[in-house]
Amino acid sequence: MPEYWELALALSDDLEEALTNFLWEQGALGVVAEERANQRPGLRAFFAGTVDRGQLEEGLAAYLAGLAALGFAPPAPARLTPLADGNWAEAWQKHFRPVAVGRRLLIAPPWDVPTASRRVVIVIEPGRAFGTGHHASTAGCLEALETLVEPAPPSALDLGTGSGILAIAAARLGVDRILAVDEDPDALASAAANARRNGMADRIRWLGADAGALSAPPVPLVLANLLTGAHMRLAADYARYVVPGGALVLGGILEPEAEVVTAALEAHGFATTARSREGWTTVVARRA
């Protein structure tokens, strides 16, 4: 019996989040999203050797069949192999190195924090919550955030905070008070730990709640790195959450879906601009 298993799977962008969550639920020790030039994006997941290989393969096949029945394009066949060097942590960590984002930010994992940098360093532990700065969706939101904090507004709202990266970046860039919301208690715990790593715990309040059911007062800046379906559901709520003249930053939008999102926002009084990178679009919207 190997000490660890490594599962590799190529997939389409619209399945990444669903499959990542599924693999965590199956007991993955770590999940890595990979994007390589001229190749389909993929996932690599690491499991303890005690995992029942047959049960894992059967569960994955059944899950993929269910996605196919819903009309999603099937991923390429998965490969489940023994990890050659027996060290999953090293294989996991080598995928996360410091990455420069925008003009001012540097996102680093705890095991590779630069001793000196002219950039604002944000330390994020890669884990179960989405948001490490490596994905184009998160990077696009961070780049947009940079442009909206000069000067920094006094308060902000982060919907679907995940790892807490956007809330922490907003705090590091000068926003005094941030309410970060997520329905997943594991994500909130991860985000709070990341905030402590960055010395920003006193600026961020964490709330476990549905993003569309808040009674919080409107703020000058709202951040939401969610999927398109969530943005469509929340379009009217965004108008409640942003003060007149305030800004909204939306990520997690596949490029072909951007037009329908901007139309929904404009129907609720926002003026929008959009910018795409690596197939993902970031929308910045101003409330009239």
C-alpha atoms as a PDB file:
ATOM      1  CA  MET A   1       0.000   0.000   0.000  1.00  0.00           C
ATOM      2  CA  PRO A   2       1.450   3.415  -0.964  1.00  0.00           C
ATOM      3  CA  GLU A   3       1.778   6.098   1.679  1.00  0.00           C
ATOM      4  CA  TYR A   4      -0.124   8.582  -0.520  1.00  0.00           C
ATOM      5  CA  TRP A   5      -2.200   8.638  -3.704  1.00  0.00           C
ATOM      6  CA  GLU A   6      -2.105  11.384  -6.324  1.00  0.00           C
ATOM      7  CA  LEU A   7      -5.159  11.999  -8.506  1.00  0.00           C
ATOM      8  CA  ALA A   8      -4.783  14.053 -11.722  1.00  0.00           C
ATOM      9  CA  LEU A   9      -7.757  15.268 -13.721  1.00  0.00           C
ATOM     10  CA  ALA A  10      -8.109  17.624 -16.716  1.00  0.00           C
ATOM     11  CA  LEU A  11     -11.351  19.582 -16.847  1.00  0.00           C
ATOM     12  CA  SER A  12     -13.167  22.661 -18.114  1.00  0.00           C
ATOM     13  CA  ASP A  13     -13.150  25.942 -16.167  1.00  0.00           C
ATOM     14  CA  ASP A  14     -16.830  25.686 -15.216  1.00  0.00           C
ATOM     15  CA  LEU A  15     -16.234  22.425 -13.323  1.00  0.00           C
ATOM     16  CA  GLU A  16     -13.194  23.467 -11.291  1.00  0.00           C
ATOM     17  CA  GLU A  17     -14.968  24.691  -8.164  1.00  0.00           C
ATOM     18  CA  ALA A  18     -17.482  21.828  -8.056  1.00  0.00           C
ATOM     19  CA  LEU A  19     -14.804  19.148  -8.474  1.00  0.00           C
ATOM     20  CA  THR A  20     -12.483  20.836  -5.981  1.00  0.00           C
ATOM     21  CA  ASN A  21     -15.228  20.768  -3.353  1.00  0.00           C
ATOM     22  CA  PHE A  22     -16.028  17.136  -4.194  1.00  0.00           C
ATOM     23  CA  LEU A  23     -12.398  16.066  -3.753  1.00  0.00           C
ATOM     24  CA  TRP A  24     -12.157  17.803  -0.387  1.00  0.00           C
ATOM     25  CA  GLU A  25     -15.310  15.985   0.680  1.00  0.00           C
ATOM     26  CA  GLN A  26     -13.698  12.673  -0.292  1.00  0.00           C
ATOM     27  CA  GLY A  27     -10.872  13.315   2.164  1.00  0.00           C
ATOM     28  CA  ALA A  28      -8.213  15.021   0.029  1.00  0.00           C
ATOM     29  CA  LEU A  29      -5.190  16.276   1.959  1.00  0.00           C
ATOM     30  CA  GLY A  30      -4.614  18.984  -0.656  1.00  0.00           C
ATOM     31  CA  VAL A  31      -6.038  20.060  -4.025  1.00  0.00           C
ATOM     32  CA  VAL A  32      -4.086  22.065  -6.616  1.00  0.00           C
ATOM     33  CA  ALA A  33      -5.592  23.819  -9.639  1.00  0.00           C
ATOM     34  CA  GLU A  34      -3.198  23.899 -12.593  1.00  0.00           C
ATOM     35  CA  GLU A  35      -3.317  26.154 -15.662  1.00  0.00           C
ATOM     36  CA  ARG A  36      -0.782  25.524 -18.420  1.00  0.00           C
ATOM     37  CA  ALA A  37      -0.396  27.216 -21.789  1.00  0.00           C
ATOM     38  CA  ASN A  38      -2.256  25.518 -24.662  1.00  0.00           C
ATOM     39  CA  GLN A  39      -3.613  22.803 -22.357  1.00  0.00           C
ATOM     40  CA  ARG A  40      -6.864  22.187 -20.540  1.00  0.00           C
ATOM     41  CA  PRO A  41      -6.828  23.306 -16.884  1.00  0.00           C
ATOM     42  CA  GLY A  42      -6.551  20.505 -14.398  1.00  0.00           C
ATOM     43  CA  LEU A  43      -6.693  19.461 -10.771  1.00  0.00           C
ATOM     44  CA  ARG A  44      -4.232  17.436  -8.735  1.00  0.00           C
ATOM     45  CA  ALA A  45      -5.407  16.028  -5.407  1.00  0.00           C
ATOM     46  CA  PHE A  46      -3.481  14.109  -2.766  1.00  0.00           C
ATOM     47  CA  PHE A  47      -4.969  11.365  -0.575  1.00  0.00           C
ATOM     48  CA  ALA A  48      -3.625   9.226   2.258  1.00  0.00           C
ATOM     49  CA  GLY A  49      -2.669   5.691   1.233  1.00  0.00           C
ATOM     50  CA  THR A  50      -5.393   4.327   3.510  1.00  0.00           C
ATOM     51  CA  VAL A  51      -8.112   5.703   1.200  1.00  0.00           C
ATOM     52  CA  ASP A  52     -10.076   2.949  -0.539  1.00  0.00           C
ATOM     53  CA  ARG A  53      -8.933   3.349  -4.161  1.00  0.00           C
ATOM     54  CA  GLY A  54     -11.901   1.514  -5.655  1.00  0.00           C
ATOM     55  CA  GLN A  55     -14.406   3.504  -3.623  1.00  0.00           C
ATOM     56  CA  LEU A  56     -12.746   6.797  -4.577  1.00  0.00           C
ATOM     57  CA  GLU A  57     -12.721   5.925  -8.284  1.00  0.00           C
ATOM     58  CA  GLU A  58     -16.353   4.748  -8.211  1.00  0.00           C
ATOM     59  CA  GLY A  59     -17.482   7.871  -6.357  1.00  0.00           C
ATOM     60  CA  LEU A  60     -15.676  10.145  -8.806  1.00  0.00           C
ATOM     61  CA  ALA A  61     -17.125   8.308 -11.807  1.00  0.00           C
ATOM     62  CA  ALA A  62     -20.643   8.623 -10.397  1.00  0.00           C
ATOM     63  CA  TYR A  63     -20.166  12.321  -9.679  1.00  0.00           C
ATOM     64  CA  LEU A  64     -18.844  13.013 -13.174  1.00  0.00           C
ATOM     65  CA  ALA A  65     -21.750  11.059 -14.684  1.00  0.00           C
ATOM     66  CA  GLY A  66     -24.143  13.269 -12.746  1.00  0.00           C
ATOM     67  CA  LEU A  67     -22.446  16.403 -14.064  1.00  0.00           C
ATOM     68  CA  ALA A  68     -22.613  15.026 -17.615  1.00  0.00           C
ATOM     69  CA  ALA A  69     -26.347  14.417 -17.176  1.00  0.00           C
ATOM     70  CA  LEU A  70     -26.699  18.108 -16.307  1.00  0.00           C
ATOM     71  CA  GLY A  71     -25.030  19.047 -19.617  1.00  0.00           C
ATOM     72  CA  PHE A  72     -21.453  19.697 -18.482  1.00  0.00           C
ATOM     73  CA  ALA A  73     -18.671  18.569 -20.786  1.00  0.00           C
ATOM     74  CA  PRO A  74     -17.014  15.444 -19.342  1.00  0.00           C
ATOM     75  CA  PRO A  75     -13.431  15.839 -18.116  1.00  0.00           C
ATOM     76  CA  ALA A  76     -10.637  13.688 -19.452  1.00  0.00           C
ATOM     77  CA  PRO A  77     -10.224  10.367 -17.603  1.00  0.00           C
ATOM     78  CA  ALA A  78      -8.717  10.721 -14.142  1.00  0.00           C
ATOM     79  CA  ARG A  79      -5.375   9.151 -13.207  1.00  0.00           C
ATOM     80  CA  LEU A  80      -4.903   7.800  -9.686  1.00  0.00           C
ATOM     81  CA  THR A  81      -1.306   6.775  -9.015  1.00  0.00           C
ATOM     82  CA  PRO A  82       0.954   6.163  -6.011  1.00  0.00           C
ATOM     83  CA  LEU A  83       2.973   9.246  -5.140  1.00  0.00           C
ATOM     84  CA  ALA A  84       6.504   8.332  -6.146  1.00  0.00           C
ATOM     85  CA  ASP A  85       8.442  10.124  -3.420  1.00  0.00           C
ATOM     86  CA  GLY A  86       5.930   9.476  -0.661  1.00  0.00           C
ATOM     87  CA  ASN A  87       5.920  13.148   0.298  1.00  0.00           C
ATOM     88  CA  TRP A  88       2.603  14.718  -0.605  1.00  0.00           C
ATOM     89  CA  ALA A  89       3.315  17.891   1.349  1.00  0.00           C
ATOM     90  CA  GLU A  90       6.368  18.670  -0.780  1.00  0.00           C
ATOM     91  CA  ALA A  91       4.430  17.920  -3.977  1.00  0.00           C
ATOM     92  CA  TRP A  92       1.602  20.164  -2.744  1.00  0.00           C
ATOM     93  CA  GLN A  93       3.802  23.032  -1.622  1.00  0.00           C
ATOM     94  CA  LYS A  94       5.894  23.243  -4.789  1.00  0.00           C
ATOM     95  CA  HIS A  95       2.788  24.515  -6.629  1.00  0.00           C
ATOM     96  CA  PHE A  96       2.524  27.568  -4.383  1.00  0.00           C
ATOM     97  CA  ARG A  97       5.249  30.164  -4.652  1.00  0.00           C
ATOM     98  CA  PRO A  98       5.083  33.952  -4.169  1.00  0.00           C
ATOM     99  CA  VAL A  99       3.213  35.624  -7.015  1.00  0.00           C
ATOM    100  CA  ALA A 100       3.203  39.351  -7.826  1.00  0.00           C
ATOM    101  CA  VAL A 101      -0.236  40.774  -8.541  1.00  0.00           C
ATOM    102  CA  GLY A 102      -0.910  44.209  -9.960  1.00  0.00           C
ATOM    103  CA  ARG A 103       1.363  47.120  -9.088  1.00  0.00           C
ATOM    104  CA  ARG A 104       1.665  46.680  -5.336  1.00  0.00           C
ATOM    105  CA  LEU A 105       0.795  43.203  -4.082  1.00  0.00           C
ATOM    106  CA  LEU A 106       2.737  39.993  -3.534  1.00  0.00           C
ATOM    107  CA  ILE A 107       0.811  36.878  -2.448  1.00  0.00           C
ATOM    108  CA  ALA A 108       2.945  34.298  -0.627  1.00  0.00           C
ATOM    109  CA  PRO A 109       2.350  30.976   1.153  1.00  0.00           C
ATOM    110  CA  PRO A 110       3.542  30.738   4.793  1.00  0.00           C
ATOM    111  CA  TRP A 111       6.500  28.512   3.863  1.00  0.00           C
ATOM    112  CA  ASP A 112       7.920  30.945   1.289  1.00  0.00           C
ATOM    113  CA  VAL A 113       7.508  34.502   2.603  1.00  0.00           C
ATOM    114  CA  PRO A 114      10.134  36.921   1.208  1.00  0.00           C
ATOM    115  CA  THR A 115      12.328  38.466   3.880  1.00  0.00           C
ATOM    116  CA  ALA A 116      12.256  41.782   2.028  1.00  0.00           C
ATOM    117  CA  SER A 117       9.962  43.145  -0.671  1.00  0.00           C
ATOM    118  CA  ARG A 118       8.939  46.525  -2.014  1.00  0.00           C
ATOM    119  CA  ARG A 119       5.453  45.132  -2.476  1.00  0.00           C
ATOM    120  CA  VAL A 120       2.692  44.694   0.097  1.00  0.00           C
ATOM    121  CA  VAL A 121       3.085  41.035   1.097  1.00  0.00           C
ATOM    122  CA  ILE A 122      -0.069  39.064   1.865  1.00  0.00           C
ATOM    123  CA  VAL A 123       0.442  35.608   3.369  1.00  0.00           C
ATOM    124  CA  ILE A 124      -2.243  33.058   2.455  1.00  0.00           C
ATOM    125  CA  GLU A 125      -2.273  29.417   3.518  1.00  0.00           C
ATOM    126  CA  PRO A 126      -3.552  27.365   0.559  1.00  0.00           C
ATOM    127  CA  GLY A 127      -6.306  25.124   1.834  1.00  0.00           C
ATOM    128  CA  ARG A 128      -9.948  24.233   1.511  1.00  0.00           C
ATOM    129  CA  ALA A 129     -11.094  27.803   0.876  1.00  0.00           C
ATOM    130  CA  PHE A 130     -10.848  29.322  -2.617  1.00  0.00           C
ATOM    131  CA  GLY A 131      -8.462  32.203  -3.165  1.00  0.00           C
ATOM    132  CA  THR A 132      -4.670  31.936  -3.284  1.00  0.00           C
ATOM    133  CA  GLY A 133      -3.949  34.726  -5.775  1.00  0.00           C
ATOM    134  CA  HIS A 134      -2.749  32.257  -8.397  1.00  0.00           C
ATOM    135  CA  HIS A 135      -6.085  31.923 -10.178  1.00  0.00           C
ATOM    136  CA  ALA A 136      -6.901  34.543 -12.817  1.00  0.00           C
ATOM    137  CA  SER A 137     -10.255  35.240 -11.176  1.00  0.00           C
ATOM    138  CA  THR A 138      -8.705  36.195  -7.824  1.00  0.00           C
ATOM    139  CA  ALA A 139      -5.831  38.091  -9.452  1.00  0.00           C
ATOM    140  CA  GLY A 140      -8.290  40.139 -11.510  1.00  0.00           C
ATOM    141  CA  CYS A 141     -10.215  41.129  -8.375  1.00  0.00           C
ATOM    142  CA  LEU A 142      -7.001  42.118  -6.590  1.00  0.00           C
ATOM    143  CA  GLU A 143      -5.903  44.274  -9.530  1.00  0.00           C
ATOM    144  CA  ALA A 144      -9.288  46.017  -9.567  1.00  0.00           C
ATOM    145  CA  LEU A 145      -9.169  46.481  -5.792  1.00  0.00           C
ATOM    146  CA  GLU A 146      -5.827  48.283  -6.076  1.00  0.00           C
ATOM    147  CA  THR A 147      -7.367  50.960  -8.265  1.00  0.00           C
ATOM    148  CA  LEU A 148     -10.274  51.568  -5.876  1.00  0.00           C
ATOM    149  CA  VAL A 149      -8.337  52.223  -2.658  1.00  0.00           C
ATOM    150  CA  GLU A 150      -6.535  55.414  -3.678  1.00  0.00           C
ATOM    151  CA  PRO A 151      -7.669  56.852  -1.332  1.00  0.00           C
ATOM    152  CA  ALA A 152      -9.003  53.912   0.652  1.00  0.00           C
ATOM    153  CA  PRO A 153     -12.684  53.987   1.632  1.00  0.00           C
ATOM    154  CA  PRO A 154     -13.436  53.625   5.363  1.00  0.00           C
ATOM    155  CA  SER A 155     -15.351  50.352   5.010  1.00  0.00           C
ATOM    156  CA  ALA A 156     -15.953  47.434   2.668  1.00  0.00           C
ATOM    157  CA  LEU A 157     -17.958  44.217   2.314  1.00  0.00           C
ATOM    158  CA  ASP A 158     -16.477  40.930   1.033  1.00  0.00           C
ATOM    159  CA  LEU A 159     -19.101  38.411  -0.099  1.00  0.00           C
ATOM    160  CA  GLY A 160     -18.043  34.766  -0.352  1.00  0.00           C
ATOM    161  CA  THR A 161     -14.721  35.554   1.317  1.00  0.00           C
ATOM    162  CA  GLY A 162     -13.214  32.060   0.866  1.00  0.00           C
ATOM    163  CA  SER A 163      -9.599  32.262   2.045  1.00  0.00           C
ATOM    164  CA  GLY A 164     -10.163  35.906   3.038  1.00  0.00           C
ATOM    165  CA  ILE A 165      -7.636  37.134   0.479  1.00  0.00           C
ATOM    166  CA  LEU A 166      -9.710  40.060  -0.822  1.00  0.00           C
ATOM    167  CA  ALA A 167     -10.704  41.242   2.653  1.00  0.00           C
ATOM    168  CA  ILE A 168      -7.098  40.984   3.869  1.00  0.00           C
ATOM    169  CA  ALA A 169      -5.788  42.807   0.788  1.00  0.00           C
ATOM    170  CA  ALA A 170      -8.346  45.583   1.317  1.00  0.00           C
ATOM    171  CA  ALA A 171      -7.220  45.924   4.932  1.00  0.00           C
ATOM    172  CA  ARG A 172      -3.526  45.940   4.001  1.00  0.00           C
ATOM    173  CA  LEU A 173      -4.259  48.641   1.417  1.00  0.00           C
ATOM    174  CA  GLY A 174      -5.879  50.911   3.986  1.00  0.00           C
ATOM    175  CA  VAL A 175      -9.563  50.012   4.437  1.00  0.00           C
ATOM    176  CA  ASP A 176     -10.330  50.295   8.162  1.00  0.00           C
ATOM    177  CA  ARG A 177     -13.446  48.140   8.575  1.00  0.00           C
ATOM    178  CA  ILE A 178     -14.403  45.093   6.518  1.00  0.00           C
ATOM    179  CA  LEU A 179     -17.287  42.672   6.924  1.00  0.00           C
ATOM    180  CA  ALA A 180     -16.388  39.319   5.334  1.00  0.00           C
ATOM    181  CA  VAL A 181     -19.243  36.883   4.674  1.00  0.00           C
ATOM    182  CA  ASP A 182     -19.311  33.197   3.780  1.00  0.00           C
ATOM    183  CA  GLU A 183     -21.784  30.350   4.266  1.00  0.00           C
ATOM    184  CA  ASP A 184     -18.990  27.798   4.777  1.00  0.00           C
ATOM    185  CA  PRO A 185     -17.709  27.662   8.384  1.00  0.00           C
ATOM    186  CA  ASP A 186     -14.475  26.000   7.216  1.00  0.00           C
ATOM    187  CA  ALA A 187     -13.844  28.931   4.876  1.00  0.00           C
ATOM    188  CA  LEU A 188     -14.450  31.440   7.666  1.00  0.00           C
ATOM    189  CA  ALA A 189     -12.039  29.610   9.973  1.00  0.00           C
ATOM    190  CA  SER A 190      -9.401  29.558   7.228  1.00  0.00           C
ATOM    191  CA  ALA A 191      -9.959  33.235   6.442  1.00  0.00           C
ATOM    192  CA  ALA A 192      -9.725  34.272  10.102  1.00  0.00           C
ATOM    193  CA  ALA A 193      -6.444  32.357  10.459  1.00  0.00           C
ATOM    194  CA  ASN A 194      -5.073  34.094   7.355  1.00  0.00           C
ATOM    195  CA  ALA A 195      -6.100  37.479   8.761  1.00  0.00           C
ATOM    196  CA  ARG A 196      -4.145  36.738  11.955  1.00  0.00           C
ATOM    197  CA  ARG A 197      -1.099  35.775   9.862  1.00  0.00           C
ATOM    198  CA  ASN A 198      -1.235  39.200   8.271  1.00  0.00           C
ATOM    199  CA  GLY A 199      -1.919  41.170  11.455  1.00  0.00           C
ATOM    200  CA  MET A 200      -5.316  42.294  10.131  1.00  0.00           C
ATOM    201  CA  ALA A 201      -7.675  40.451  12.506  1.00  0.00           C
ATOM    202  CA  ASP A 202      -8.768  43.687  14.205  1.00  0.00           C
ATOM    203  CA  ARG A 203      -9.983  45.228  10.931  1.00  0.00           C
ATOM    204  CA  ILE A 204     -12.122  42.345   9.664  1.00  0.00           C
ATOM    205  CA  ARG A 205     -15.361  40.967  11.094  1.00  0.00           C
ATOM    206  CA  TRP A 206     -16.423  37.494   9.962  1.00  0.00           C
ATOM    207  CA  LEU A 207     -20.041  36.497   9.423  1.00  0.00           C
ATOM    208  CA  GLY A 208     -21.511  33.126   8.475  1.00  0.00           C
ATOM    209  CA  ALA A 209     -24.519  34.022   6.339  1.00  0.00           C
ATOM    210  CA  ASP A 210     -26.152  33.906   2.918  1.00  0.00           C
ATOM    211  CA  ALA A 211     -24.734  36.736   0.813  1.00  0.00           C
ATOM    212  CA  GLY A 212     -28.240  37.765  -0.219  1.00  0.00           C
ATOM    213  CA  ALA A 213     -29.726  37.939   3.274  1.00  0.00           C
ATOM    214  CA  LEU A 214     -27.664  40.644   4.972  1.00  0.00           C
ATOM    215  CA  SER A 215     -29.057  43.549   6.963  1.00  0.00           C
ATOM    216  CA  ALA A 216     -25.720  45.398   6.992  1.00  0.00           C
ATOM    217  CA  PRO A 217     -25.681  49.094   5.996  1.00  0.00           C
ATOM    218  CA  PRO A 218     -24.401  49.962   2.506  1.00  0.00           C
ATOM    219  CA  VAL A 219     -20.670  50.584   2.083  1.00  0.00           C
ATOM    220  CA  PRO A 220     -18.442  52.359  -0.461  1.00  0.00           C
ATOM    221  CA  LEU A 221     -16.806  49.124  -1.684  1.00  0.00           C
ATOM    222  CA  VAL A 222     -18.215  45.620  -2.183  1.00  0.00           C
ATOM    223  CA  LEU A 223     -16.071  42.664  -3.298  1.00  0.00           C
ATOM    224  CA  ALA A 224     -17.579  39.404  -4.560  1.00  0.00           C
ATOM    225  CA  ASN A 225     -15.472  36.698  -6.193  1.00  0.00           C
ATOM    226  CA  LEU A 226     -18.356  34.306  -6.859  1.00  0.00           C
ATOM    227  CA  LEU A 227     -19.709  32.412  -9.846  1.00  0.00           C
ATOM    228  CA  THR A 228     -21.973  33.951 -12.483  1.00  0.00           C
ATOM    229  CA  GLY A 229     -25.109  32.264 -11.166  1.00  0.00           C
ATOM    230  CA  ALA A 230     -24.561  33.872  -7.771  1.00  0.00           C
ATOM    231  CA  HIS A 231     -23.989  37.306  -9.331  1.00  0.00           C
ATOM    232  CA  MET A 232     -27.271  37.028 -11.235  1.00  0.00           C
ATOM    233  CA  ARG A 233     -29.107  36.053  -8.059  1.00  0.00           C
ATOM    234  CA  LEU A 234     -27.515  38.898  -6.095  1.00  0.00           C
ATOM    235  CA  ALA A 235     -27.788  41.714  -8.666  1.00  0.00           C
ATOM    236  CA  ALA A 236     -30.616  43.474  -6.831  1.00  0.00           C
ATOM    237  CA  ASP A 237     -28.890  42.964  -3.473  1.00  0.00           C
ATOM    238  CA  TYR A 238     -25.706  44.569  -4.765  1.00  0.00           C
ATOM    239  CA  ALA A 239     -27.697  47.769  -5.277  1.00  0.00           C
ATOM    240  CA  ARG A 240     -28.644  47.630  -1.568  1.00  0.00           C
ATOM    241  CA  TYR A 241     -25.118  46.955  -0.393  1.00  0.00           C
ATOM    242  CA  VAL A 242     -23.298  49.733  -2.317  1.00  0.00           C
ATOM    243  CA  VAL A 243     -23.745  53.401  -1.377  1.00  0.00           C
ATOM    244  CA  PRO A 244     -24.510  55.848  -4.205  1.00  0.00           C
ATOM    245  CA  GLY A 245     -21.223  56.538  -5.959  1.00  0.00           C
ATOM    246  CA  GLY A 246     -19.669  53.397  -4.459  1.00  0.00           C
ATOM    247  CA  ALA A 247     -17.962  50.579  -6.304  1.00  0.00           C
ATOM    248  CA  LEU A 248     -18.578  46.871  -6.783  1.00  0.00           C
ATOM    249  CA  VAL A 249     -15.891  44.373  -7.864  1.00  0.00           C
ATOM    250  CA  LEU A 250     -17.115  41.047  -9.236  1.00  0.00           C
ATOM    251  CA  GLY A 251     -14.930  38.050 -10.127  1.00  0.00           C
ATOM    252  CA  GLY A 252     -15.514  34.406 -10.993  1.00  0.00           C
ATOM    253  CA  ILE A 253     -17.124  35.254 -14.351  1.00  0.00           C
ATOM    254  CA  LEU A 254     -16.178  33.250 -17.424  1.00  0.00           C
ATOM    255  CA  GLU A 255     -15.525  35.585 -20.343  1.00  0.00           C
ATOM    256  CA  PRO A 256     -18.579  34.500 -22.422  1.00  0.00           C
ATOM    257  CA  GLU A 257     -20.815  35.166 -19.389  1.00  0.00           C
ATOM    258  CA  ALA A 258     -19.670  38.743 -18.786  1.00  0.00           C
ATOM    259  CA  GLU A 259     -22.288  40.409 -20.968  1.00  0.00           C
ATOM    260  CA  VAL A 260     -25.243  38.922 -19.120  1.00  0.00           C
ATOM    261  CA  VAL A 261     -23.732  39.946 -15.761  1.00  0.00           C
ATOM    262  CA  THR A 262     -23.092  43.538 -16.831  1.00  0.00           C
ATOM    263  CA  ALA A 263     -26.635  43.772 -18.247  1.00  0.00           C
ATOM    264  CA  ALA A 264     -28.096  42.612 -14.919  1.00  0.00           C
ATOM    265  CA  LEU A 265     -26.046  45.172 -13.013  1.00  0.00           C
ATOM    266  CA  GLU A 266     -26.937  48.010 -15.375  1.00  0.00           C
ATOM    267  CA  ALA A 267     -30.615  47.163 -14.899  1.00  0.00           C
ATOM    268  CA  HIS A 268     -30.103  47.946 -11.204  1.00  0.00           C
ATOM    269  CA  GLY A 269     -28.421  51.308 -11.682  1.00  0.00           C
ATOM    270  CA  PHE A 270     -24.745  50.418 -12.110  1.00  0.00           C
ATOM    271  CA  ALA A 271     -22.333  51.670 -14.744  1.00  0.00           C
ATOM    272  CA  THR A 272     -19.939  48.846 -15.601  1.00  0.00           C
ATOM    273  CA  THR A 273     -16.502  48.199 -17.054  1.00  0.00           C
ATOM    274  CA  ALA A 274     -15.028  44.747 -17.666  1.00  0.00           C
ATOM    275  CA  ARG A 275     -11.540  43.368 -18.103  1.00  0.00           C
ATOM    276  CA  SER A 276     -10.603  39.774 -18.972  1.00  0.00           C
ATOM    277  CA  ARG A 277      -7.528  37.653 -18.411  1.00  0.00           C
ATOM    278  CA  GLU A 278      -6.980  33.964 -19.104  1.00  0.00           C
ATOM    279  CA  GLY A 279     -10.660  33.448 -19.904  1.00  0.00           C
ATOM    280  CA  TRP A 280     -11.975  35.082 -16.712  1.00  0.00           C
ATOM    281  CA  THR A 281     -13.615  38.504 -16.513  1.00  0.00           C
ATOM    282  CA  THR A 282     -13.532  41.001 -13.657  1.00  0.00           C
ATOM    283  CA  VAL A 283     -16.379  43.514 -13.622  1.00  0.00           C
ATOM    284  CA  VAL A 284     -16.083  46.861 -11.835  1.00  0.00           C
ATOM    285  CA  ALA A 285     -19.426  48.585 -11.370  1.00  0.00           C
ATOM    286  CA  ARG A 286     -20.200  52.047 -10.042  1.00  0.00           C
ATOM    287  CA  ARG A 287     -23.579  52.785  -8.510  1.00  0.00           C
ATOM    288  CA  ALA A 288     -25.056  55.982  -9.913  1.00  0.00           C
END
